[in-house]
Amino acid sequence: MYEKKIPKDFSCGMSITLEIIGGKWKPCLINSIHSGIHRPSELARQHPDASKRVLNLQLKELEEHGAVRKVIYPVLPPKVEYFLTEMGESLLPIVTLMENWGSDFMSEFYKRQQNKAVI
């Protein structure tokens, strides 16, 4: 697997925040888990545009950073669920602000996208 040779710089809070929630699906996953969707198959149905591989990678990164907790139940077939940790819960205001900002500027964004397509 490819690894970057240049070490990441975590000397400011923004770079740490982006390391944890930066990723196309991470804010969506945090929001979905908070909303009560805990199983990987449910998360995949909630986000059909994301491949299961990408969702699993981003869930793994969120787990490694301490934002989510993975629970594996000792049953057959295997059952896995994800829950927000205290750190993950503390990210909810940020994710909510991102959602609200996107909603506020959605129409302007679509207009600009249409203008780009015409050019």
Protein backbone atom coordinates (compact mmCIF):
# COMPACT_ATOMS: atom_id res chain seq x y z
CA MET A 1 0.00 0.00 0.00
CA TYR A 2 1.22 3.51 -0.83
CA GLU A 3 2.39 5.66 2.08
CA LYS A 4 3.24 9.34 1.85
CA LYS A 5 6.89 10.07 2.39
CA ILE A 6 6.28 13.61 3.63
CA PRO A 7 5.01 13.51 7.23
CA LYS A 8 1.72 15.24 7.92
CA ASP A 9 1.88 18.52 9.81
CA PHE A 10 -0.46 18.57 12.79
CA SER A 11 0.75 21.84 14.27
CA CYS A 12 -2.66 23.53 14.08
CA GLY A 13 -6.16 22.56 15.11
CA MET A 14 -7.52 22.83 11.58
CA SER A 15 -5.16 20.15 10.25
CA ILE A 16 -6.17 17.81 13.09
CA THR A 17 -9.87 18.45 12.49
CA LEU A 18 -9.49 17.82 8.76
CA GLU A 19 -7.51 14.65 9.42
CA ILE A 20 -10.42 13.31 11.47
CA ILE A 21 -13.44 14.49 9.46
CA GLY A 22 -11.81 15.16 6.10
CA GLY A 23 -13.05 12.64 3.60
CA LYS A 24 -16.02 12.61 1.31
CA TRP A 25 -18.15 10.36 3.51
CA LYS A 26 -16.86 10.91 7.06
CA PRO A 27 -19.23 13.77 7.99
CA CYS A 28 -22.13 11.80 6.46
CA LEU A 29 -21.15 8.69 8.43
CA ILE A 30 -20.94 10.66 11.68
CA ASN A 31 -24.37 12.12 11.02
CA SER A 32 -25.88 8.74 10.09
CA ILE A 33 -24.46 6.98 13.15
CA HIS A 34 -25.80 9.78 15.34
CA SER A 35 -29.21 9.35 13.69
CA GLY A 36 -29.34 5.71 14.76
CA ILE A 37 -27.89 3.90 11.75
CA HIS A 38 -25.20 1.64 13.22
CA ARG A 39 -24.72 -1.41 10.99
CA PRO A 40 -22.38 -1.29 7.97
CA SER A 41 -25.09 -2.61 5.63
CA GLU A 42 -27.49 0.12 6.81
CA LEU A 43 -24.81 2.77 6.31
CA ALA A 44 -24.19 1.45 2.78
CA ARG A 45 -27.92 1.68 1.99
CA GLN A 46 -28.02 5.21 3.41
CA HIS A 47 -25.11 6.25 1.14
CA PRO A 48 -25.56 4.29 -2.12
CA ASP A 49 -23.10 6.48 -4.06
CA ALA A 50 -20.24 5.33 -1.83
CA SER A 51 -18.63 1.96 -2.39
CA LYS A 52 -18.63 -0.42 0.57
CA ARG A 53 -14.83 -0.43 0.44
CA VAL A 54 -14.62 3.35 0.81
CA LEU A 55 -17.20 3.38 3.60
CA ASN A 56 -15.28 0.66 5.45
CA LEU A 57 -11.99 2.53 5.04
CA GLN A 58 -13.49 5.76 6.33
CA LEU A 59 -15.17 3.97 9.26
CA LYS A 60 -11.80 2.39 10.06
CA GLU A 61 -10.10 5.81 10.02
CA LEU A 62 -12.83 7.29 12.24
CA GLU A 63 -12.30 4.37 14.62
CA GLU A 64 -8.49 4.79 14.60
CA HIS A 65 -8.90 8.49 15.42
CA GLY A 66 -11.27 7.71 18.28
CA ALA A 67 -14.43 9.25 16.79
CA VAL A 68 -16.35 5.97 16.51
CA ARG A 69 -16.32 2.70 18.42
CA LYS A 70 -16.76 -0.61 16.61
CA VAL A 71 -18.66 -3.33 18.44
CA ILE A 72 -18.41 -6.90 17.17
CA TYR A 73 -21.04 -9.22 18.61
CA PRO A 74 -20.16 -12.92 19.12
CA VAL A 75 -23.04 -14.28 17.03
CA LEU A 76 -23.45 -16.08 13.73
CA PRO A 77 -23.74 -14.53 11.25
CA PRO A 78 -21.32 -11.88 12.54
CA LYS A 79 -22.91 -8.63 13.66
CA VAL A 80 -20.99 -5.34 13.72
CA GLU A 81 -22.21 -1.94 14.84
CA TYR A 82 -20.62 1.49 15.06
CA PHE A 83 -21.30 4.07 17.75
CA LEU A 84 -20.03 7.61 18.27
CA THR A 85 -17.56 8.07 21.09
CA GLU A 86 -17.48 11.18 23.24
CA MET A 87 -15.08 12.67 20.69
CA GLY A 88 -17.43 11.71 17.86
CA GLU A 89 -20.36 13.34 19.66
CA SER A 90 -18.28 16.52 20.02
CA LEU A 91 -17.96 16.63 16.20
CA LEU A 92 -21.75 16.87 15.74
CA PRO A 93 -21.91 20.69 15.95
CA ILE A 94 -19.24 20.91 13.23
CA VAL A 95 -21.05 18.40 11.00
CA THR A 96 -24.36 20.21 11.60
CA LEU A 97 -22.79 23.55 10.64
CA MET A 98 -21.43 21.97 7.46
CA GLU A 99 -24.89 20.60 6.61
CA ASN A 100 -26.57 23.95 7.28
CA TRP A 101 -23.98 25.88 5.29
CA GLY A 102 -24.39 23.51 2.33
CA SER A 103 -28.17 23.88 2.47
CA ASP A 104 -27.91 27.68 2.63
CA PHE A 105 -25.71 27.87 -0.47
CA MET A 106 -27.17 24.93 -2.41
CA SER A 107 -29.05 26.97 -5.01
CA GLU A 108 -26.04 29.22 -5.66
CA PHE A 109 -23.83 26.15 -5.99
CA TYR A 110 -26.19 24.57 -8.54
CA LYS A 111 -26.32 27.80 -10.55
CA ARG A 112 -22.54 27.93 -10.73
CA GLN A 113 -22.37 24.27 -11.74
CA GLN A 114 -24.85 24.90 -14.55
CA ASN A 115 -22.85 27.92 -15.71
CA LYS A 116 -19.68 25.81 -15.82
CA ALA A 117 -21.46 23.19 -17.93
CA VAL A 118 -22.54 25.82 -20.47
CA ILE A 119 -19.03 27.19 -20.98
